Amino acid sequence: MLVGGSLCATTKNLAGMLLGRFIVGTGLGVGPPVASLYVTEISPAHVRGTYGSFIQIATCLGLMGALLIGIPVTSTVGWWRICFWISTIPAAILVLAMMFCAESPHWLYKQGRSSEAEAEFQKLLGGLHVKDAMAELSKTDRGDENDSVKIAELLYGRHSRVVFIGSTLFALQQLSGINAVFYFSSTVFRRAGVSSNLANGLVGIANLVGSIIALVLIDKLGRRVLLLWSFFGMAVSMALQVLTAALFSSSSGSFYLSTASMLLFVLTFATGAGPVPSLLLPEIFPCRIRAKAMAFCMSVHWVLNFLVGLMFLRLLDQFGPALLYSIFCTFCLLAVVFVKRNVMETKGKSLQEIEIALLPQE
């Protein structure tokens, strides 16, 4: 991302811009799942959800900062280059800061480097908890050090159920329509009479407030509860959008109801459906397949993210808001049913306890 941002800031042709954006996009595709996996593996069980929620809050602050920094683009010539230069600052800070961070003890143990894993636990947890942590770690199935996990094993092997749960959660997250709202909030709100800058600011604030609520509640109420209520709240929000489009499209109150329901949608998303899947998946995946399974599920996430973003405005113009928002509402309700039937609660449990609980019977 540091290299890609620098290339975009200095390029003088389209090819350089495309290459820079490709590098940045690759970094964005790799960074979030690795960050979630890393935080999950180094965090104590009782605060793992809270620490994981900081990723979502950092994302919200980054989005709001990007919106503010980008405001002068329309009035200042060449400001877009300044925006790209500014984007390299957090990337550089991350590169430097990671040099001082601990390596994941789970990854070290999987590689057969048990003494190094014990040393990292010493840094992370203190001497009193090292023996207990290593004892828990020894219960995991780390597999053969030279044994690589095949895609077929993720799809049809003994761990296929947890991979199905993870990929379906990400699929339902995207099919709820949330990124259509993020990508095209200014367009949607403009149709309701709200200026672009105000629309982006309101969406950013709703996203941040919801993320703070998730931070406070995720290790108290649990992941499953937040997911259920989050998807249900998103379904209610979309139902209000359908009601507005179908019944009150010409009334003066439609503006307020449409705006309020869209912000409620973002708020309820940020309390559960946004941060929880990225935290929950590294928790439910066994150590041996965790990295590959995360990569597979994130691939599902980004493919559907791309398709929803590509098709949203076309479908909105072709089908109208009532039908399109009804489809999003349906997917949110399907998510509620899916979570209730398939997702276990992981609050306060060690990764090893979760792995044993989900381990299929031979």
Protein backbone atom coordinates (compact mmCIF):
# COMPACT_ATOMS: atom_id res chain seq x y z
CA MET A 1 0.00 0.00 0.00
CA LEU A 2 2.93 2.31 0.70
CA VAL A 3 4.40 1.58 -2.74
CA GLY A 4 1.01 1.76 -4.49
CA GLY A 5 0.08 5.08 -2.88
CA SER A 6 3.44 6.60 -3.81
CA LEU A 7 3.08 5.39 -7.38
CA CYS A 8 -0.42 6.89 -7.70
CA ALA A 9 0.80 10.20 -6.27
CA THR A 10 3.69 10.55 -8.73
CA THR A 11 2.36 8.93 -11.91
CA LYS A 12 1.93 10.94 -15.10
CA ASN A 13 -0.07 8.42 -17.11
CA LEU A 14 -3.04 6.06 -16.85
CA ALA A 15 -0.91 2.90 -16.79
CA GLY A 16 0.95 4.08 -13.69
CA MET A 17 -2.32 4.98 -11.97
CA LEU A 18 -3.84 1.58 -12.74
CA LEU A 19 -0.74 -0.23 -11.50
CA GLY A 20 -0.71 1.82 -8.29
CA ARG A 21 -4.39 1.19 -7.67
CA PHE A 22 -3.85 -2.53 -8.30
CA ILE A 23 -1.08 -2.64 -5.69
CA VAL A 24 -3.20 -0.68 -3.19
CA GLY A 25 -6.17 -2.95 -3.88
CA THR A 26 -4.02 -6.02 -3.27
CA GLY A 27 -2.93 -4.56 0.05
CA LEU A 28 -6.53 -3.82 1.01
CA GLY A 29 -7.52 -7.38 0.13
CA VAL A 30 -4.74 -8.92 2.21
CA GLY A 31 -4.60 -6.48 5.14
CA PRO A 32 -8.01 -6.70 6.87
CA PRO A 33 -8.25 -10.53 7.10
CA VAL A 34 -4.63 -10.80 8.26
CA ALA A 35 -5.25 -8.09 10.87
CA SER A 36 -8.36 -9.91 12.16
CA LEU A 37 -6.54 -13.22 12.25
CA TYR A 38 -3.54 -11.69 14.05
CA VAL A 39 -5.63 -9.90 16.70
CA THR A 40 -7.65 -13.07 17.30
CA GLU A 41 -4.53 -15.21 17.83
CA ILE A 42 -2.69 -12.85 20.20
CA SER A 43 -5.63 -11.65 22.34
CA PRO A 44 -6.79 -13.19 25.65
CA ALA A 45 -10.19 -14.84 25.36
CA HIS A 46 -12.04 -12.43 27.69
CA VAL A 47 -11.14 -9.32 25.64
CA ARG A 48 -10.69 -10.83 22.17
CA GLY A 49 -13.94 -9.35 20.87
CA THR A 50 -13.15 -5.90 22.23
CA TYR A 51 -9.70 -5.85 20.65
CA GLY A 52 -11.12 -7.11 17.37
CA SER A 53 -13.69 -4.30 17.36
CA PHE A 54 -10.91 -1.73 17.31
CA ILE A 55 -10.24 -2.77 13.70
CA GLN A 56 -13.76 -1.69 12.72
CA ILE A 57 -13.43 1.59 14.61
CA ALA A 58 -10.08 2.28 12.94
CA THR A 59 -11.73 1.59 9.57
CA CYS A 60 -14.54 4.04 10.36
CA LEU A 61 -12.08 6.75 11.40
CA GLY A 62 -10.05 6.11 8.26
CA LEU A 63 -13.12 6.45 6.04
CA MET A 64 -14.18 9.69 7.74
CA GLY A 65 -10.65 11.05 7.50
CA ALA A 66 -10.51 10.20 3.79
CA LEU A 67 -13.81 12.00 3.22
CA LEU A 68 -12.54 15.13 4.95
CA ILE A 69 -9.20 15.07 3.16
CA GLY A 70 -10.93 14.65 -0.19
CA ILE A 71 -13.26 17.65 0.14
CA PRO A 72 -10.85 20.13 -1.60
CA VAL A 73 -10.45 17.84 -4.64
CA THR A 74 -13.17 19.62 -6.63
CA SER A 75 -11.77 23.08 -6.00
CA THR A 76 -7.97 22.62 -5.78
CA VAL A 77 -5.99 21.54 -8.83
CA GLY A 78 -3.73 18.56 -8.12
CA TRP A 79 -5.15 17.93 -4.66
CA TRP A 80 -5.71 14.28 -5.57
CA ARG A 81 -1.94 13.79 -5.52
CA ILE A 82 -1.82 15.16 -1.98
CA CYS A 83 -4.54 12.66 -1.01
CA PHE A 84 -2.41 9.77 -2.25
CA TRP A 85 0.67 11.07 -0.42
CA ILE A 86 -1.33 11.36 2.81
CA SER A 87 -2.51 7.74 2.38
CA THR A 88 1.11 6.56 2.54
CA ILE A 89 1.53 7.94 6.08
CA PRO A 90 -0.57 5.29 7.92
CA ALA A 91 0.95 2.62 5.67
CA ALA A 92 4.45 3.69 6.69
CA ILE A 93 3.46 3.81 10.37
CA LEU A 94 2.07 0.26 10.11
CA VAL A 95 5.27 -1.03 8.51
CA LEU A 96 7.41 0.47 11.28
CA ALA A 97 5.08 -0.48 14.15
CA MET A 98 4.81 -4.13 13.12
CA MET A 99 8.56 -4.50 13.62
CA PHE A 100 7.94 -4.14 17.37
CA CYS A 101 4.87 -6.40 17.55
CA ALA A 102 4.89 -9.99 18.77
CA GLU A 103 4.63 -12.88 16.33
CA SER A 104 1.52 -15.03 16.66
CA PRO A 105 2.24 -17.90 19.08
CA HIS A 106 -0.36 -19.99 17.24
CA TRP A 107 1.49 -19.61 13.95
CA LEU A 108 4.83 -20.39 15.59
CA TYR A 109 3.40 -23.51 17.22
CA LYS A 110 1.93 -24.63 13.89
CA GLN A 111 5.42 -24.31 12.38
CA GLY A 112 6.84 -26.52 15.12
CA ARG A 113 8.63 -23.64 16.88
CA SER A 114 7.21 -24.30 20.35
CA SER A 115 9.99 -22.56 22.31
CA GLU A 116 9.48 -19.36 20.31
CA ALA A 117 5.73 -19.60 20.82
CA GLU A 118 6.33 -19.85 24.56
CA ALA A 119 8.56 -16.76 24.44
CA GLU A 120 5.86 -14.78 22.60
CA PHE A 121 3.25 -15.84 25.16
CA GLN A 122 5.64 -14.51 27.81
CA LYS A 123 5.57 -11.09 26.12
CA LEU A 124 1.83 -11.07 25.55
CA LEU A 125 0.41 -12.64 28.72
CA GLY A 126 3.16 -12.54 31.34
CA GLY A 127 4.97 -15.41 32.98
CA LEU A 128 2.07 -16.58 35.14
CA HIS A 129 -0.09 -17.59 32.18
CA VAL A 130 2.49 -19.10 29.82
CA LYS A 131 2.12 -22.72 30.98
CA ASP A 132 -1.66 -22.61 30.77
CA ALA A 133 -1.53 -21.02 27.32
CA MET A 134 0.92 -23.63 26.02
CA ALA A 135 -1.19 -26.42 27.51
CA GLU A 136 -4.25 -25.08 25.67
CA LEU A 137 -2.24 -24.72 22.48
CA SER A 138 -1.09 -28.34 22.66
CA LYS A 139 -4.72 -29.46 22.32
CA THR A 140 -5.00 -28.08 18.79
CA ASP A 141 -4.56 -30.02 15.58
CA ARG A 142 -1.59 -28.33 13.96
CA GLY A 143 -1.18 -31.06 11.34
CA ASP A 144 2.03 -32.03 9.62
CA GLU A 145 4.47 -29.15 9.25
CA ASN A 146 4.96 -29.98 5.55
CA ASP A 147 1.29 -30.70 4.90
CA SER A 148 -0.40 -27.98 2.84
CA VAL A 149 -4.15 -27.43 3.01
CA LYS A 150 -5.87 -27.96 -0.35
CA ILE A 151 -8.94 -26.04 -1.49
CA ALA A 152 -10.77 -29.37 -1.89
CA GLU A 153 -10.20 -30.03 1.83
CA LEU A 154 -11.88 -26.73 2.70
CA LEU A 155 -14.88 -27.51 0.50
CA TYR A 156 -15.34 -31.24 1.11
CA GLY A 157 -13.11 -32.20 4.05
CA ARG A 158 -13.85 -32.64 7.73
CA HIS A 159 -13.82 -28.86 8.30
CA SER A 160 -16.09 -27.97 5.38
CA ARG A 161 -18.96 -27.02 7.70
CA VAL A 162 -17.08 -24.18 9.42
CA VAL A 163 -15.82 -22.95 6.04
CA PHE A 164 -19.43 -23.00 4.80
CA ILE A 165 -20.54 -20.99 7.83
CA GLY A 166 -17.78 -18.44 7.34
CA SER A 167 -18.24 -17.95 3.61
CA THR A 168 -22.03 -17.77 3.96
CA LEU A 169 -21.75 -15.12 6.67
CA PHE A 170 -19.60 -12.96 4.42
CA ALA A 171 -21.92 -13.60 1.45
CA LEU A 172 -24.99 -12.53 3.43
CA GLN A 173 -23.11 -9.50 4.76
CA GLN A 174 -22.50 -8.31 1.20
CA LEU A 175 -25.93 -9.29 -0.15
CA SER A 176 -27.55 -7.21 2.58
CA GLY A 177 -26.60 -4.21 0.41
CA ILE A 178 -24.34 -2.47 2.89
CA ASN A 179 -21.52 -1.66 0.51
CA ALA A 180 -23.98 -0.36 -2.05
CA VAL A 181 -24.93 2.15 0.65
CA PHE A 182 -21.27 2.98 1.40
CA TYR A 183 -20.24 3.29 -2.25
CA PHE A 184 -23.29 5.19 -3.47
CA SER A 185 -24.56 6.95 -0.34
CA SER A 186 -24.05 10.37 -1.93
CA THR A 187 -26.01 9.31 -5.04
CA VAL A 188 -28.85 7.74 -3.06
CA PHE A 189 -29.11 10.64 -0.63
CA ARG A 190 -28.89 13.18 -3.45
CA ARG A 191 -32.04 11.65 -4.90
CA ALA A 192 -33.65 12.36 -1.53
CA GLY A 193 -32.40 15.96 -1.58
CA VAL A 194 -29.32 15.64 0.69
CA SER A 195 -25.95 17.09 -0.37
CA SER A 196 -23.06 14.67 -1.01
CA ASN A 197 -20.79 15.95 1.77
CA LEU A 198 -23.60 15.88 4.34
CA ALA A 199 -24.64 12.39 3.24
CA ASN A 200 -21.11 11.01 3.53
CA GLY A 201 -20.66 12.67 6.92
CA LEU A 202 -23.93 11.26 8.31
CA VAL A 203 -23.11 7.75 7.07
CA GLY A 204 -19.63 7.98 8.61
CA ILE A 205 -20.99 9.12 11.98
CA ALA A 206 -23.64 6.36 12.03
CA ASN A 207 -20.96 3.79 11.19
CA LEU A 208 -18.66 5.06 13.95
CA VAL A 209 -21.41 5.15 16.60
CA GLY A 210 -22.46 1.59 15.74
CA SER A 211 -18.86 0.39 15.92
CA ILE A 212 -18.44 1.93 19.38
CA ILE A 213 -21.62 0.15 20.52
CA ALA A 214 -20.17 -3.12 19.21
CA LEU A 215 -16.90 -2.44 21.04
CA VAL A 216 -18.76 -2.06 24.34
CA LEU A 217 -21.14 -5.01 23.93
CA ILE A 218 -19.29 -7.71 22.00
CA ASP A 219 -17.60 -9.32 25.03
CA LYS A 220 -20.69 -8.80 27.21
CA LEU A 221 -23.57 -9.98 25.03
CA GLY A 222 -21.53 -12.15 22.68
CA ARG A 223 -21.02 -12.44 18.92
CA ARG A 224 -24.18 -14.42 18.15
CA VAL A 225 -26.53 -11.99 19.87
CA LEU A 226 -25.00 -9.00 18.10
CA LEU A 227 -25.26 -10.74 14.73
CA LEU A 228 -28.92 -11.65 15.26
CA TRP A 229 -30.02 -8.19 16.33
CA SER A 230 -27.83 -6.47 13.78
CA PHE A 231 -29.25 -8.36 10.79
CA PHE A 232 -32.77 -7.99 12.20
CA GLY A 233 -32.30 -4.24 12.57
CA MET A 234 -30.99 -4.04 9.01
CA ALA A 235 -34.08 -5.92 7.79
CA VAL A 236 -36.35 -3.46 9.60
CA SER A 237 -34.44 -0.54 8.09
CA MET A 238 -34.81 -1.94 4.59
CA ALA A 239 -38.52 -2.59 5.21
CA LEU A 240 -38.89 1.10 6.09
CA GLN A 241 -37.13 1.99 2.83
CA VAL A 242 -39.57 -0.21 0.91
CA LEU A 243 -42.50 1.40 2.74
CA THR A 244 -41.18 4.86 1.91
CA ALA A 245 -40.66 4.04 -1.77
CA ALA A 246 -44.01 2.27 -2.20
CA LEU A 247 -46.39 4.43 -0.19
CA PHE A 248 -44.91 7.83 0.57
CA SER A 249 -42.71 8.58 -2.44
CA SER A 250 -44.45 11.86 -3.16
CA SER A 251 -45.04 13.10 0.38
CA SER A 252 -42.87 15.57 2.29
CA GLY A 253 -42.28 13.02 5.06
CA SER A 254 -40.64 10.54 2.70
CA PHE A 255 -37.39 12.53 2.77
CA TYR A 256 -37.06 12.21 6.55
CA LEU A 257 -38.15 8.57 6.72
CA SER A 258 -35.84 7.55 3.85
CA THR A 259 -32.85 9.32 5.37
CA ALA A 260 -33.52 8.01 8.88
CA SER A 261 -33.99 4.41 7.74
CA MET A 262 -30.79 4.48 5.68
CA LEU A 263 -28.80 5.78 8.65
CA LEU A 264 -30.45 3.18 10.90
CA PHE A 265 -29.36 0.53 8.40
CA VAL A 266 -25.72 1.67 8.65
CA LEU A 267 -25.92 1.96 12.45
CA THR A 268 -27.34 -1.54 12.96
CA PHE A 269 -24.85 -2.99 10.47
CA ALA A 270 -21.94 -1.52 12.41
CA THR A 271 -23.15 -3.01 15.71
CA GLY A 272 -22.80 -6.60 14.52
CA ALA A 273 -22.91 -7.61 10.86
CA GLY A 274 -19.92 -5.37 10.12
CA PRO A 275 -17.30 -6.23 12.75
CA VAL A 276 -18.41 -9.67 13.97
CA PRO A 277 -17.81 -11.92 10.91
CA SER A 278 -14.16 -10.82 10.59
CA LEU A 279 -13.67 -11.61 14.29
CA LEU A 280 -15.78 -14.77 14.44
CA LEU A 281 -14.19 -16.57 11.50
CA PRO A 282 -10.63 -16.77 12.89
CA GLU A 283 -12.20 -17.99 16.14
CA ILE A 284 -14.12 -20.90 14.60
CA PHE A 285 -11.48 -22.03 12.10
CA PRO A 286 -9.06 -24.68 13.43
CA CYS A 287 -5.41 -23.66 13.63
CA ARG A 288 -4.36 -25.96 10.80
CA ILE A 289 -6.71 -24.41 8.19
CA ARG A 290 -7.17 -20.93 9.67
CA ALA A 291 -5.11 -18.93 7.17
CA LYS A 292 -6.36 -20.73 4.05
CA ALA A 293 -9.97 -20.72 5.24
CA MET A 294 -9.81 -16.98 5.97
CA ALA A 295 -8.39 -16.36 2.49
CA PHE A 296 -11.15 -18.41 0.88
CA CYS A 297 -13.93 -16.64 2.79
CA MET A 298 -12.46 -13.21 2.06
CA SER A 299 -12.42 -14.14 -1.62
CA VAL A 300 -16.17 -14.76 -1.39
CA HIS A 301 -16.50 -11.41 0.39
CA TRP A 302 -14.63 -9.40 -2.26
CA VAL A 303 -16.26 -11.09 -5.26
CA LEU A 304 -19.74 -10.30 -3.95
CA ASN A 305 -18.59 -6.83 -2.86
CA PHE A 306 -17.54 -6.19 -6.47
CA LEU A 307 -20.75 -7.58 -7.98
CA VAL A 308 -23.07 -5.65 -5.66
CA GLY A 309 -21.15 -2.42 -6.26
CA LEU A 310 -21.16 -3.01 -10.00
CA MET A 311 -24.88 -3.76 -10.30
CA PHE A 312 -26.49 -1.61 -7.61
CA LEU A 313 -27.25 1.59 -9.55
CA ARG A 314 -28.30 -0.38 -12.64
CA LEU A 315 -30.72 -2.49 -10.61
CA LEU A 316 -31.98 0.59 -8.77
CA ASP A 317 -32.85 2.26 -12.09
CA GLN A 318 -34.28 -0.91 -13.63
CA PHE A 319 -36.32 -2.34 -10.75
CA GLY A 320 -36.91 0.74 -8.64
CA PRO A 321 -36.11 1.19 -4.94
CA ALA A 322 -39.10 -0.76 -3.58
CA LEU A 323 -38.18 -4.06 -5.26
CA LEU A 324 -34.42 -3.71 -4.79
CA TYR A 325 -34.68 -2.85 -1.10
CA SER A 326 -37.13 -5.75 -0.68
CA ILE A 327 -34.41 -8.08 -1.99
CA PHE A 328 -31.90 -6.63 0.49
CA CYS A 329 -34.46 -7.01 3.31
CA THR A 330 -34.98 -10.66 2.35
CA PHE A 331 -31.26 -11.40 2.53
CA CYS A 332 -31.09 -9.76 5.98
CA LEU A 333 -33.91 -11.98 7.22
CA LEU A 334 -32.20 -15.03 5.72
CA ALA A 335 -29.09 -14.01 7.65
CA VAL A 336 -31.07 -13.96 10.91
CA VAL A 337 -32.29 -17.52 10.27
CA PHE A 338 -28.82 -18.70 9.23
CA VAL A 339 -27.11 -17.25 12.32
CA LYS A 340 -29.74 -18.70 14.64
CA ARG A 341 -29.30 -22.19 13.18
CA ASN A 342 -25.59 -22.38 12.48
CA VAL A 343 -23.48 -19.92 14.51
CA MET A 344 -22.24 -20.93 17.95
CA GLU A 345 -21.33 -18.44 20.68
CA THR A 346 -17.58 -18.00 21.15
CA LYS A 347 -17.57 -15.32 23.85
CA GLY A 348 -15.02 -15.99 26.59
CA LYS A 349 -13.81 -19.28 25.09
CA SER A 350 -10.23 -20.00 24.14
CA LEU A 351 -9.50 -20.81 20.50
CA GLN A 352 -8.69 -24.36 21.54
CA GLU A 353 -12.04 -24.80 23.32
CA ILE A 354 -13.85 -23.53 20.21
CA GLU A 355 -11.86 -25.84 17.94
CA ILE A 356 -12.64 -28.88 20.10
CA ALA A 357 -16.35 -27.96 20.28
CA LEU A 358 -16.59 -27.68 16.48
CA LEU A 359 -14.39 -30.67 15.71
CA PRO A 360 -16.41 -33.14 13.61
CA GLN A 361 -16.82 -36.64 14.95
CA GLU A 362 -14.69 -39.26 13.24
